[in-house]
């Protein structure tokens, strides 16, 4: 009996020395313990508790609105059975949490283990901090493990926020001008982003059309286009794109702002909403592009705003006072395949229509040119371009204070014999280059009526290459066009590239590189910039970006007439 008492004392001493605190959490429901007749004749138990914390997010925190577990593994390293073994979980602060308070392991034989799982859950009102759980153990004969104090960090609820960003369109049946018009089949692509700090669980999308004369086409070209989509879970910063097909019939008599909305929902029903789609009839819209948003998960997720277009196309600034003496002809030639069946789509000039449309918006809002003084053409035929150039030139005949602006985005092409550069209408092929608009002839026309000032901006190259490939892609020849002396008038020409270089595009921004940085500087300065400052900026930014994107050199250049050599750098866009 004396020997048995000594063993019991040693076990208790061992248990006391093993008492420790560990960072973890847990709980349990009360159980009715069935007392078993213990028999320690053949030996005594030596119980060891191993405790772990498990939660689904992987951050080792008890998050608000989360279910976790405290896992207790009891192992008997002694020589006898442990009887009626149980674990009891408690905490001094149970606000916003619930947990199992008690679990029964029963009998544990020597060398055996028993695992107990305590469910722990938190409401969405849980705040940042810590909770300490106290684990105590019992065994019929008093051979229980030492208590364990488990401290777990808690994290407040991180709210998701499903947000509709914007829409881009693509005409599947229409004239490809990125404008929603009656009786066209348009693919509208909606960009969705979770701009909150929490996961949006079971995120869903629905396109809601509130007019019977706006039709939804559910399938086209072997693809399906339902009005609803399920995204599953969206992490902070995640984006999703959904495309639907729409057609506005001629029976539609509503407003230009089409009654189409985007409805977003998630598991809790509180962190979505219904948003106007922003689709407008007869107004140019964003073209669809590939995009990706990257996020780094830290204590707070830094979320980059997603977009289907360039920042230069939004928040176009208002400049100074209006300039009623300014006139502008703006041309964006993008689709050369429509009139030249021998060409492939690679011969088109990506984003040239958008270049022209957005530059026109800057002319009106930032440069103060009256909209009635502007002519804009996209995918212009040769006859149309010649007619409109004559219109621009004639403005100086009746207004000696006239300031003429000519902007062109599209293909240029060289005459390999004369080395002259030509602007190419969409119906003129590289084989018939001399039917295009010769640059030297254009400059002579623009200065022929003695306007006060002429500004030409060319986002084109004249080497035979192009944004994707030239009009004669089979010919690998590049021609360096000759730069003639401009003798007449007060003329300044900004060109996107030099010599035999290509004029390239900036896919992420949906513009030519030259046009993107032109617009960016006008936006940053609200047009209050000299021609010299703009030239220096373009010569710094465009070559750097072309090298980053393509490992190619594109260097803008400026050519001026003899009459402007001494003064052109001081000219200003906004008077």
Protein backbone atom coordinates (compact mmCIF):
# COMPACT_ATOMS: atom_id res chain seq x y z
CA UNK A 1 0.00 0.00 0.00
CA UNK A 2 2.91 2.30 0.81
CA UNK A 3 4.42 1.59 -2.61
CA UNK A 4 1.12 2.44 -4.36
CA UNK A 5 0.88 5.76 -2.53
CA UNK A 6 4.38 6.67 -3.65
CA UNK A 7 3.48 5.95 -7.31
CA UNK A 8 0.34 8.08 -7.10
CA UNK A 9 2.33 10.95 -5.65
CA UNK A 10 4.90 10.67 -8.45
CA UNK A 11 2.22 10.73 -11.14
CA UNK A 12 0.63 13.84 -9.63
CA UNK A 13 4.02 15.50 -9.38
CA UNK A 14 4.70 14.68 -13.04
CA UNK A 15 1.30 16.11 -13.99
CA UNK A 16 1.97 19.32 -12.06
CA UNK A 17 5.37 19.78 -13.72
CA UNK A 18 3.73 19.26 -17.13
CA UNK A 19 1.14 22.02 -16.68
CA UNK A 20 1.60 24.59 -19.46
CA UNK A 21 -0.08 27.30 -21.54
CA UNK A 22 -0.56 26.89 -25.29
CA UNK A 23 -2.05 29.21 -27.93
CA UNK A 24 -5.23 27.66 -29.31
CA UNK A 25 -9.03 27.69 -28.72
CA UNK A 26 -11.96 25.31 -28.07
CA UNK A 27 -15.25 24.34 -26.24
CA UNK A 28 -17.85 21.56 -25.55
CA UNK A 29 -21.38 20.50 -24.51
CA UNK A 30 -22.09 18.96 -21.09
CA UNK A 31 -22.08 15.13 -20.95
CA UNK A 32 -23.43 12.60 -18.44
CA UNK A 33 -20.40 10.54 -17.32
CA UNK A 34 -20.99 6.83 -16.65
CA UNK A 35 -18.80 5.90 -13.72
CA UNK A 36 -16.91 2.69 -14.39
CA UNK A 37 -15.46 0.51 -11.69
CA UNK A 38 -11.73 1.17 -11.92
CA UNK A 39 -9.09 -1.48 -11.53
CA UNK A 40 -5.52 -0.33 -11.11
CA UNK A 41 -4.13 -3.70 -9.90
CA UNK A 42 -2.10 -4.23 -13.06
CA UNK A 43 -0.77 -0.67 -13.32
CA UNK A 44 -1.69 2.98 -13.50
CA UNK A 45 -2.35 5.23 -16.50
CA UNK A 46 -0.11 8.11 -17.54
CA UNK A 47 -2.26 10.38 -19.72
CA UNK A 48 -0.81 13.00 -22.02
CA UNK A 49 -2.92 15.67 -23.81
CA UNK A 50 -1.97 17.01 -27.22
CA UNK A 51 -4.09 19.97 -28.33
CA UNK A 52 -4.41 21.64 -31.75
CA UNK A 53 -6.60 24.34 -33.31
CA UNK A 54 -8.11 23.93 -36.76
CA UNK A 55 -10.04 26.51 -38.79
CA UNK A 56 -11.00 26.64 -42.48
CA UNK A 57 -9.38 29.89 -43.66
CA UNK A 58 -5.79 28.90 -42.88
CA UNK A 59 -4.93 32.09 -40.96
CA UNK A 60 -4.83 30.36 -37.54
CA UNK A 61 -7.34 32.87 -36.18
CA UNK A 62 -10.90 32.48 -35.03
CA UNK A 63 -12.64 34.70 -37.58
CA UNK A 64 -16.03 36.26 -37.12
CA UNK A 65 -18.79 34.09 -38.62
CA UNK A 66 -16.46 31.07 -38.74
CA UNK A 67 -16.68 27.50 -37.42
CA UNK A 68 -13.49 26.01 -36.02
CA UNK A 69 -12.36 23.07 -33.89
CA UNK A 70 -10.16 22.45 -30.88
CA UNK A 71 -8.80 18.94 -31.26
CA UNK A 72 -7.61 17.13 -28.12
CA UNK A 73 -5.75 13.84 -28.45
CA UNK A 74 -5.37 11.93 -25.17
CA UNK A 75 -2.66 9.24 -25.16
CA UNK A 76 -2.08 6.72 -22.37
CA UNK A 77 1.65 6.15 -21.91
CA UNK A 78 1.18 4.28 -18.64
CA UNK A 79 0.88 0.62 -17.66
CA UNK A 80 -2.79 0.59 -16.68
CA UNK A 81 -6.12 1.68 -18.06
CA UNK A 82 -7.44 5.20 -17.71
CA UNK A 83 -11.11 5.24 -16.70
CA UNK A 84 -13.92 7.69 -17.41
CA UNK A 85 -11.52 10.17 -18.96
CA UNK A 86 -13.07 13.47 -19.99
CA UNK A 87 -12.08 17.02 -21.01
CA UNK A 88 -13.88 20.20 -19.96
CA UNK A 89 -13.55 23.48 -21.90
CA UNK A 90 -14.35 26.92 -20.51
CA UNK A 91 -13.51 30.60 -21.02
CA UNK A 92 -13.88 33.75 -18.98
CA UNK A 93 -15.27 35.66 -22.00
CA UNK A 94 -17.81 33.84 -24.14
CA UNK A 95 -19.25 36.95 -25.84
CA UNK A 96 -20.06 36.33 -29.52
CA UNK A 97 -18.79 32.73 -29.42
CA UNK A 98 -20.29 29.32 -28.66
CA UNK A 99 -18.50 26.03 -28.09
CA UNK A 100 -18.79 22.46 -26.82
CA UNK A 101 -18.04 22.50 -23.09
CA UNK A 102 -17.35 18.83 -22.33
CA UNK A 103 -16.27 15.69 -24.14
CA UNK A 104 -15.97 12.10 -22.82
CA UNK A 105 -13.16 9.79 -23.91
CA UNK A 106 -14.17 6.94 -21.57
CA UNK A 107 -11.65 4.16 -21.05
CA UNK A 108 -8.19 4.51 -22.60
CA UNK A 109 -5.98 1.42 -22.54
CA UNK A 110 -2.20 1.50 -22.29
CA UNK A 111 -0.63 2.56 -25.60
CA UNK A 112 -4.02 3.75 -26.97
CA UNK A 113 -5.26 7.23 -27.83
CA UNK A 114 -8.63 8.96 -27.96
CA UNK A 115 -9.38 12.11 -29.98
CA UNK A 116 -11.96 14.65 -28.86
CA UNK A 117 -13.20 17.42 -31.15
CA UNK A 118 -14.64 20.61 -29.64
CA UNK A 119 -16.68 22.69 -32.06
CA UNK A 120 -16.18 26.45 -31.76
CA UNK A 121 -18.14 29.07 -33.68
CA UNK A 122 -18.22 32.88 -33.70
CA UNK A 123 -20.89 35.36 -34.75
CA UNK A 124 -20.19 38.18 -37.21
CA UNK A 125 -20.04 40.60 -34.25
CA UNK A 126 -16.71 39.20 -33.03
CA UNK A 127 -13.96 41.84 -32.80
CA UNK A 128 -10.18 41.74 -33.12
CA UNK A 129 -8.43 40.48 -30.00
CA UNK A 130 -7.76 37.22 -28.16
CA UNK A 131 -9.77 34.60 -26.30
CA UNK A 132 -8.25 32.24 -23.73
CA UNK A 133 -9.84 28.82 -23.32
CA UNK A 134 -9.19 26.65 -20.27
CA UNK A 135 -8.97 22.90 -20.79
CA UNK A 136 -9.23 20.74 -17.69
CA UNK A 137 -9.22 16.96 -17.60
CA UNK A 138 -10.62 14.29 -15.27
CA UNK A 139 -9.97 10.59 -14.77
CA UNK A 140 -11.76 8.34 -12.30
CA UNK A 141 -8.70 7.67 -10.16
CA UNK A 142 -7.28 11.17 -10.48
CA UNK A 143 -4.64 10.27 -13.12
CA UNK A 144 -5.51 13.16 -15.42
CA UNK A 145 -3.21 15.31 -17.58
CA UNK A 146 -2.26 18.81 -16.49
CA UNK A 147 -4.65 21.66 -17.44
CA UNK A 148 -3.92 23.57 -20.64
CA UNK A 149 -4.70 27.24 -21.25
CA UNK A 150 -5.20 27.92 -24.95
CA UNK A 151 -5.15 31.48 -26.34
CA UNK A 152 -6.49 32.13 -29.82
CA UNK A 153 -6.38 35.38 -31.78
CA UNK A 154 -9.76 36.62 -33.03
CA UNK A 155 -10.46 38.63 -36.17
CA UNK A 156 -13.45 40.84 -36.81
CA UNK A 157 -15.72 40.24 -39.76
CA UNK A 158 -14.20 41.33 -43.07
CA UNK A 159 -16.98 42.53 -45.31
CA UNK A 160 -17.01 41.74 -49.01
CA UNK A 161 -18.40 44.33 -51.41
CA UNK A 162 -19.49 43.16 -54.84
CA UNK A 163 -19.26 46.11 -57.21
CA UNK A 164 -20.13 46.61 -60.86
CA UNK A 165 -17.23 48.43 -62.53
CA UNK A 166 -18.15 49.02 -66.17
CA UNK A 167 -19.17 47.44 -69.47
CA UNK A 168 -17.44 47.04 -72.81
CA UNK A 169 -19.12 46.12 -76.08
CA UNK A 170 -18.28 44.18 -79.21
CA UNK A 171 -20.50 44.24 -82.27
CA UNK A 172 -21.15 40.73 -83.58
CA UNK A 173 -23.53 42.04 -86.25
CA UNK A 174 -23.14 45.72 -87.04
CA UNK A 175 -20.75 48.31 -88.45
CA UNK A 176 -18.00 47.79 -85.83
CA UNK A 177 -17.89 51.38 -84.62
CA UNK A 178 -18.23 50.46 -80.92
CA UNK A 179 -21.54 52.32 -80.82
CA UNK A 180 -24.78 50.65 -79.72
CA UNK A 181 -27.29 51.20 -82.51
CA UNK A 182 -30.72 49.84 -83.32
CA UNK A 183 -30.99 46.40 -84.87
CA UNK A 184 -27.35 45.45 -84.15
CA UNK A 185 -26.26 42.36 -82.24
CA UNK A 186 -23.99 43.56 -79.46
CA UNK A 187 -21.98 41.53 -76.96
CA UNK A 188 -21.89 43.48 -73.70
CA UNK A 189 -19.17 42.36 -71.29
CA UNK A 190 -19.69 43.38 -67.66
CA UNK A 191 -16.75 43.68 -65.26
CA UNK A 192 -17.44 42.74 -61.61
CA UNK A 193 -15.02 43.18 -58.69
CA UNK A 194 -15.04 42.35 -54.99
CA UNK A 195 -13.79 45.64 -53.54
CA UNK A 196 -14.29 44.61 -49.91
CA UNK A 197 -11.83 43.03 -47.51
CA UNK A 198 -13.75 39.77 -47.06
CA UNK A 199 -14.58 36.79 -49.26
CA UNK A 200 -17.87 37.08 -51.15
CA UNK A 201 -19.28 33.58 -50.81
CA UNK A 202 -21.60 32.16 -53.49
CA UNK A 203 -21.40 35.33 -55.58
CA UNK A 204 -24.00 35.62 -58.34
CA UNK A 205 -24.66 37.86 -61.32
CA UNK A 206 -27.87 38.72 -63.15
CA UNK A 207 -28.42 41.05 -66.11
CA UNK A 208 -31.85 42.66 -65.76
CA UNK A 209 -33.51 44.09 -68.90
CA UNK A 210 -36.51 46.34 -68.21
CA UNK A 211 -37.82 46.88 -71.72
CA UNK A 212 -39.41 44.29 -74.01
CA UNK A 213 -37.82 45.96 -77.05
CA UNK A 214 -34.32 45.16 -75.85
CA UNK A 215 -33.83 41.51 -76.69
CA UNK A 216 -31.48 39.01 -75.11
CA UNK A 217 -29.95 36.46 -77.51
CA UNK A 218 -29.07 33.32 -75.57
CA UNK A 219 -26.76 31.63 -78.10
CA UNK A 220 -24.60 32.70 -81.04
CA UNK A 221 -21.75 31.10 -82.94
CA UNK A 222 -21.87 27.93 -80.86
CA UNK A 223 -21.56 29.83 -77.55
CA UNK A 224 -24.24 30.42 -74.93
CA UNK A 225 -24.94 33.77 -73.27
CA UNK A 226 -27.31 33.37 -70.30
CA UNK A 227 -28.42 36.40 -68.31
CA UNK A 228 -27.23 34.85 -65.04
CA UNK A 229 -23.91 33.52 -63.78
CA UNK A 230 -22.64 31.93 -60.56
CA UNK A 231 -19.08 32.88 -59.57
CA UNK A 232 -18.62 30.78 -56.44
CA UNK A 233 -16.37 32.51 -53.90
CA UNK A 234 -14.64 35.79 -54.81
CA UNK A 235 -11.62 36.83 -52.76
CA UNK A 236 -10.84 40.51 -52.08
CA UNK A 237 -9.82 42.19 -55.33
CA UNK A 238 -11.03 39.31 -57.53
CA UNK A 239 -12.70 40.23 -60.81
CA UNK A 240 -15.14 38.39 -63.04
CA UNK A 241 -16.35 39.13 -66.55
CA UNK A 242 -19.74 38.10 -67.90
CA UNK A 243 -20.94 38.58 -71.47
CA UNK A 244 -24.53 38.79 -72.67
CA UNK A 245 -25.90 39.42 -76.16
CA UNK A 246 -28.35 42.29 -76.65
CA UNK A 247 -30.19 43.83 -79.55
CA UNK A 248 -32.18 47.07 -79.41
CA UNK A 249 -35.08 46.85 -81.86
CA UNK A 250 -36.47 49.77 -83.82
CA UNK A 251 -39.54 49.59 -81.59
CA UNK A 252 -37.53 50.85 -78.64
CA UNK A 253 -38.71 54.35 -77.69
CA UNK A 254 -37.02 54.82 -74.33
CA UNK A 255 -34.16 57.03 -73.27
CA UNK A 256 -30.63 56.84 -74.68
CA UNK A 257 -29.53 55.40 -71.34
CA UNK A 258 -30.80 51.86 -71.84
CA UNK A 259 -32.87 50.33 -68.97
CA UNK A 260 -30.39 47.52 -68.37
CA UNK A 261 -29.01 46.85 -64.90
CA UNK A 262 -26.58 44.49 -63.19
CA UNK A 263 -27.74 42.68 -60.05
CA UNK A 264 -25.07 41.20 -57.77
CA UNK A 265 -25.70 39.02 -54.73
CA UNK A 266 -23.79 36.81 -52.29
CA UNK A 267 -24.44 34.35 -49.47
CA UNK A 268 -25.46 36.90 -46.83
CA UNK A 269 -27.62 39.00 -49.14
CA UNK A 270 -26.12 42.26 -47.84
CA UNK A 271 -22.97 42.93 -49.81
CA UNK A 272 -24.12 43.24 -53.40
CA UNK A 273 -26.70 45.46 -55.05
CA UNK A 274 -28.33 46.51 -58.31
CA UNK A 275 -26.37 48.87 -60.55
CA UNK A 276 -27.27 50.68 -63.81
CA UNK A 277 -25.29 49.04 -66.61
CA UNK A 278 -24.45 52.41 -68.20
CA UNK A 279 -25.16 51.20 -71.74
CA UNK A 280 -26.14 54.10 -73.98
CA UNK A 281 -27.77 54.01 -77.39
CA UNK A 282 -25.77 55.73 -80.17
CA UNK A 283 -22.76 56.43 -77.95
CA UNK A 284 -19.34 54.88 -78.32
CA UNK A 285 -18.56 52.40 -75.57
CA UNK A 286 -15.45 50.71 -74.24
CA UNK A 287 -14.08 47.92 -76.39
CA UNK A 288 -13.56 44.62 -74.61
CA UNK A 289 -9.97 43.80 -73.68
CA UNK A 290 -8.12 41.22 -71.65
CA UNK A 291 -7.30 42.29 -68.17
CA UNK A 292 -6.11 40.94 -64.91
CA UNK A 293 -6.02 42.28 -61.42
CA UNK A 294 -3.27 41.13 -58.98
CA UNK A 295 -3.61 41.38 -55.15
CA UNK A 296 -1.26 40.72 -52.20
CA UNK A 297 -2.90 39.35 -49.11
CA UNK A 298 -1.69 41.25 -46.05
CA UNK A 299 -3.50 42.48 -42.95
CA UNK A 300 -5.43 44.68 -45.35
CA UNK A 301 -5.73 43.67 -48.97
CA UNK A 302 -4.66 46.45 -51.32
CA UNK A 303 -7.21 46.33 -54.12
CA UNK A 304 -6.42 47.78 -57.52
CA UNK A 305 -9.48 49.21 -59.22
CA UNK A 306 -10.29 47.18 -62.29
CA UNK A 307 -11.13 48.76 -65.64
CA UNK A 308 -11.90 47.76 -69.20
CA UNK A 309 -10.32 50.92 -70.62
CA UNK A 310 -7.74 53.63 -70.03
CA UNK A 311 -7.82 56.18 -67.24
CA UNK A 312 -7.34 58.84 -69.92
CA UNK A 313 -10.81 58.11 -71.30
CA UNK A 314 -12.51 59.13 -68.05
CA UNK A 315 -12.61 62.40 -66.15
CA UNK A 316 -11.57 64.41 -69.19
CA UNK A 317 -10.71 67.85 -67.79
CA UNK A 318 -12.17 71.16 -68.83
CA UNK A 319 -9.55 73.55 -70.12
CA UNK A 320 -9.59 77.29 -70.49
CA UNK A 321 -12.03 79.46 -72.36
CA UNK A 322 -13.43 78.25 -75.66
CA UNK A 323 -11.58 78.86 -78.91
CA UNK A 324 -14.16 79.67 -81.61
CA UNK A 325 -11.40 80.14 -84.20
CA UNK A 326 -10.19 76.54 -83.86
CA UNK A 327 -11.33 73.79 -86.28
CA UNK A 328 -10.46 70.11 -86.22
CA UNK A 329 -10.62 67.16 -88.59
CA UNK A 330 -10.19 63.85 -86.75
CA UNK A 331 -9.86 60.50 -88.53
CA UNK A 332 -9.51 57.00 -87.03
CA UNK A 333 -9.06 54.27 -89.65
CA UNK A 334 -9.16 50.87 -87.97
CA UNK A 335 -10.97 48.30 -90.17
CA UNK A 336 -9.18 47.84 -93.49
CA UNK A 337 -10.62 44.37 -94.12
CA UNK A 338 -14.15 45.61 -94.74
CA UNK A 339 -13.19 47.04 -98.16
CA UNK A 340 -10.14 44.87 -98.85
CA UNK A 341 -11.09 41.20 -98.73
CA UNK A 342 -7.51 40.07 -99.36
CA UNK A 343 -6.42 41.39 -95.96
CA UNK A 344 -6.67 39.55 -92.67
CA UNK A 345 -7.75 41.08 -89.38
CA UNK A 346 -4.09 41.45 -88.40
CA UNK A 347 -3.90 44.26 -90.95
CA UNK A 348 -6.41 46.33 -89.01
CA UNK A 349 -5.18 49.13 -86.76
CA UNK A 350 -6.19 48.21 -83.23
CA UNK A 351 -7.95 50.98 -81.26
CA UNK A 352 -7.68 53.62 -84.03
CA UNK A 353 -11.42 54.40 -83.75
CA UNK A 354 -11.06 54.85 -80.01
CA UNK A 355 -8.00 57.04 -80.53
CA UNK A 356 -10.06 59.35 -82.71
CA UNK A 357 -13.17 59.38 -80.53
CA UNK A 358 -11.34 60.18 -77.29
CA UNK A 359 -9.12 62.81 -78.93
CA UNK A 360 -12.31 64.45 -80.17
CA UNK A 361 -13.62 64.52 -76.58
CA UNK A 362 -10.40 66.26 -75.49
CA UNK A 363 -10.74 68.77 -78.33
CA UNK A 364 -14.19 69.75 -77.07
CA UNK A 365 -13.71 69.60 -73.30
CA UNK A 366 -10.04 70.44 -72.81
CA UNK A 367 -8.96 72.45 -75.86
CA UNK A 368 -12.24 74.36 -76.06
CA UNK A 369 -12.93 73.71 -79.74
CA UNK A 370 -16.68 74.10 -80.42
CA UNK A 371 -18.23 70.77 -81.32
CA UNK A 372 -19.75 72.38 -84.41
CA UNK A 373 -16.18 73.13 -85.59
CA UNK A 374 -15.15 69.47 -85.50
CA UNK A 375 -15.54 66.74 -88.10
CA UNK A 376 -14.77 63.18 -87.04
CA UNK A 377 -14.61 60.16 -89.33
CA UNK A 378 -13.93 56.50 -88.53
CA UNK A 379 -12.96 53.95 -91.18
CA UNK A 380 -13.01 56.72 -93.75
CA UNK A 381 -12.97 56.11 -97.50
CA UNK A 382 -10.57 58.01 -99.74
CA UNK A 383 -13.27 60.24 -101.21
CA UNK A 384 -14.56 61.13 -97.75
CA UNK A 385 -11.09 61.99 -96.46
CA UNK A 386 -10.34 64.26 -99.43
CA UNK A 387 -13.70 66.01 -99.06
CA UNK A 388 -13.19 66.64 -95.35
CA UNK A 389 -9.60 67.84 -95.78
CA UNK A 390 -10.94 70.43 -98.24
CA UNK A 391 -13.60 71.43 -95.65
CA UNK A 392 -10.89 72.03 -93.04
CA UNK A 393 -8.66 74.02 -95.41
CA UNK A 394 -11.55 76.27 -96.50
CA UNK A 395 -12.11 77.45 -92.92
CA UNK A 396 -9.00 79.62 -93.21
CA UNK A 397 -10.32 81.27 -96.38
CA UNK A 398 -13.17 82.90 -94.46
CA UNK A 399 -11.46 83.34 -91.09
CA UNK A 400 -7.91 84.75 -91.07
CA UNK A 401 -7.65 83.84 -87.36
CA UNK A 402 -8.39 80.16 -88.06
CA UNK A 403 -6.31 77.55 -86.22
CA UNK A 404 -6.50 74.14 -87.88
CA UNK A 405 -6.02 70.78 -86.15
CA UNK A 406 -5.63 67.56 -88.14
CA UNK A 407 -5.47 64.28 -86.19
CA UNK A 408 -5.05 60.87 -87.84
CA UNK A 409 -4.77 57.35 -86.39
CA UNK A 410 -4.47 54.53 -88.90
CA UNK A 411 -2.18 53.09 -91.51
CA UNK A 412 0.47 55.06 -93.28
CA UNK A 413 2.38 53.64 -96.21
CA UNK A 414 5.47 54.55 -98.29
CA UNK A 415 5.79 54.84 -102.00
CA UNK A 416 8.90 52.74 -102.55
CA UNK A 417 9.83 54.69 -105.65
CA UNK A 418 9.52 58.28 -104.45
CA UNK A 419 9.99 57.48 -100.74
CA UNK A 420 6.99 59.72 -100.04
CA UNK A 421 4.68 58.89 -97.14
CA UNK A 422 0.93 58.46 -97.60
CA UNK A 423 -2.05 58.34 -95.24
CA UNK A 424 -4.18 55.36 -96.21
CA UNK A 425 -7.99 55.40 -96.46
CA UNK A 426 -9.60 52.06 -95.63
CA UNK A 427 -10.45 51.37 -99.29
CA UNK A 428 -6.93 51.93 -100.65
CA UNK A 429 -4.47 49.04 -100.70
CA UNK A 430 -0.72 49.14 -100.33
CA UNK A 431 -0.45 48.18 -103.99
CA UNK A 432 -2.13 51.48 -104.92
CA UNK A 433 -0.39 53.69 -102.42
CA UNK A 434 -0.44 56.80 -104.60
CA UNK A 435 -4.25 56.80 -104.42
CA UNK A 436 -3.90 57.63 -100.74
CA UNK A 437 -3.30 61.05 -99.16
CA UNK A 438 0.31 62.17 -99.73
CA UNK A 439 1.75 63.85 -96.65
CA UNK A 440 3.53 66.62 -98.53
CA UNK A 441 0.33 67.36 -100.44
CA UNK A 442 -1.65 67.38 -97.18
CA UNK A 443 0.72 69.92 -95.62
CA UNK A 444 0.48 72.15 -98.70
CA UNK A 445 -3.31 72.03 -98.62
CA UNK A 446 -3.54 72.80 -94.91
CA UNK A 447 -1.35 75.91 -95.26
CA UNK A 448 -2.66 77.05 -98.66
CA UNK A 449 -5.26 79.49 -97.27
CA UNK A 450 -2.79 81.05 -94.81
CA UNK A 451 -4.38 79.99 -91.52
CA UNK A 452 -2.96 81.49 -88.34
CA UNK A 453 -1.65 78.11 -87.21
CA UNK A 454 -1.79 74.45 -88.29
CA UNK A 455 -1.21 71.49 -85.95
CA UNK A 456 -0.97 67.93 -87.34
CA UNK A 457 -0.89 64.85 -85.09
CA UNK A 458 -0.15 61.53 -86.79
CA UNK A 459 -0.42 58.21 -84.90
CA UNK A 460 0.74 56.23 -87.91
CA UNK A 461 3.97 54.94 -89.36
CA UNK A 462 5.04 55.20 -92.97
CA UNK A 463 7.53 52.37 -93.17
CA UNK A 464 5.19 49.66 -94.41
CA UNK A 465 4.71 48.13 -90.95
CA UNK A 466 1.89 48.79 -88.54
CA UNK A 467 0.31 48.14 -85.18
CA UNK A 468 -0.22 44.47 -86.06
CA UNK A 469 1.07 44.13 -89.59
CA UNK A 470 1.21 46.38 -92.60
CA UNK A 471 -1.04 46.59 -95.61
CA UNK A 472 1.41 44.43 -97.54
CA UNK A 473 2.41 42.02 -94.80
CA UNK A 474 3.98 39.58 -97.26
CA UNK A 475 6.62 42.15 -98.09
CA UNK A 476 9.14 42.42 -95.28
CA UNK A 477 10.63 45.58 -96.80
CA UNK A 478 10.65 48.68 -94.62
CA UNK A 479 11.09 52.07 -96.27
CA UNK A 480 12.47 55.17 -94.59
CA UNK A 481 10.43 58.01 -96.03
CA UNK A 482 12.11 61.27 -96.94
CA UNK A 483 11.31 64.33 -94.87
CA UNK A 484 10.80 67.25 -97.22
CA UNK A 485 11.23 70.86 -96.15
CA UNK A 486 7.91 72.50 -95.30
CA UNK A 487 8.28 75.96 -96.77
CA UNK A 488 4.83 77.42 -96.43
CA UNK A 489 2.79 78.59 -93.47
CA UNK A 490 2.93 78.16 -89.73
CA UNK A 491 2.79 74.35 -89.45
CA UNK A 492 3.80 71.93 -86.68
CA UNK A 493 3.63 68.14 -87.24
CA UNK A 494 3.80 65.66 -84.33
CA UNK A 495 4.53 62.16 -85.68
CA UNK A 496 4.29 58.94 -83.64
CA UNK A 497 7.51 57.42 -84.97
CA UNK A 498 10.66 58.21 -86.90
CA UNK A 499 12.20 56.84 -90.08
CA UNK A 500 11.42 53.16 -90.66
CA UNK A 501 10.05 52.55 -87.15
CA UNK A 502 6.61 51.09 -86.44
CA UNK A 503 3.86 52.91 -84.55
CA UNK A 504 2.71 50.45 -81.90
CA UNK A 505 -0.33 50.07 -79.66
CA UNK A 506 -0.78 49.85 -75.89
CA UNK A 507 -3.24 47.00 -75.44
CA UNK A 508 -3.98 47.53 -71.76
CA UNK A 509 -4.89 51.17 -72.43
CA UNK A 510 -6.75 50.53 -75.72
CA UNK A 511 -4.84 53.23 -77.59
CA UNK A 512 -1.83 53.71 -79.76
CA UNK A 513 1.20 54.35 -77.52
CA UNK A 514 1.64 57.83 -79.01
CA UNK A 515 -2.04 58.74 -78.56
CA UNK A 516 -2.17 57.37 -75.02
CA UNK A 517 0.68 59.60 -73.83
CA UNK A 518 -0.70 62.56 -75.81
CA UNK A 519 -4.03 62.20 -73.99
CA UNK A 520 -2.36 61.52 -70.66
CA UNK A 521 -0.39 64.78 -70.81
CA UNK A 522 -3.43 66.77 -71.87
CA UNK A 523 -5.33 65.24 -68.96
CA UNK A 524 -2.60 65.95 -66.40
CA UNK A 525 -2.09 69.56 -67.52
CA UNK A 526 -5.72 70.32 -68.49
CA UNK A 527 -4.25 71.37 -71.84
CA UNK A 528 -2.08 74.06 -70.27
CA UNK A 529 1.10 72.90 -71.95
CA UNK A 530 3.38 74.24 -74.66
CA UNK A 531 4.19 72.34 -77.82
CA UNK A 532 7.79 72.11 -76.70
CA UNK A 533 6.85 70.60 -73.35
CA UNK A 534 4.59 68.05 -75.06
CA UNK A 535 7.32 67.11 -77.55
CA UNK A 536 9.84 66.54 -74.75
CA UNK A 537 7.33 64.43 -72.80
CA UNK A 538 6.43 62.25 -75.79
CA UNK A 539 10.08 61.68 -76.70
CA UNK A 540 10.72 60.47 -73.15
CA UNK A 541 7.65 58.31 -72.58
CA UNK A 542 6.86 56.66 -75.93
CA UNK A 543 10.28 55.01 -76.56
CA UNK A 544 10.38 53.73 -72.99
CA UNK A 545 6.94 52.12 -73.23
CA UNK A 546 7.51 50.64 -76.71
CA UNK A 547 10.69 49.03 -75.39
CA UNK A 548 8.85 47.67 -72.32
CA UNK A 549 5.99 46.21 -74.38
CA UNK A 550 7.69 45.07 -77.58
CA UNK A 551 11.47 45.48 -77.20
CA UNK A 552 11.21 47.84 -80.17
CA UNK A 553 12.13 51.47 -80.58
CA UNK A 554 9.43 54.02 -81.38
CA UNK A 555 10.61 57.62 -81.17
CA UNK A 556 8.16 60.45 -81.90
CA UNK A 557 9.43 63.39 -83.90
CA UNK A 558 8.35 66.94 -84.65
CA UNK A 559 8.62 68.64 -88.07
CA UNK A 560 7.89 72.33 -88.51
CA UNK A 561 7.60 74.73 -91.37
CA UNK A 562 10.20 77.44 -91.94
CA UNK A 563 7.85 80.02 -90.53
CA UNK A 564 7.55 78.24 -87.17
CA UNK A 565 11.13 77.15 -86.53
CA UNK A 566 11.90 79.89 -84.00
CA UNK A 567 8.56 79.98 -82.19
CA UNK A 568 6.82 76.59 -82.27
CA UNK A 569 8.03 75.40 -78.85
CA UNK A 570 6.14 78.25 -77.18
CA UNK A 571 2.81 77.52 -78.90
CA UNK A 572 0.04 76.50 -76.48
CA UNK A 573 -2.91 74.16 -76.88
CA UNK A 574 -5.17 76.18 -74.58
CA UNK A 575 -5.11 79.90 -75.26
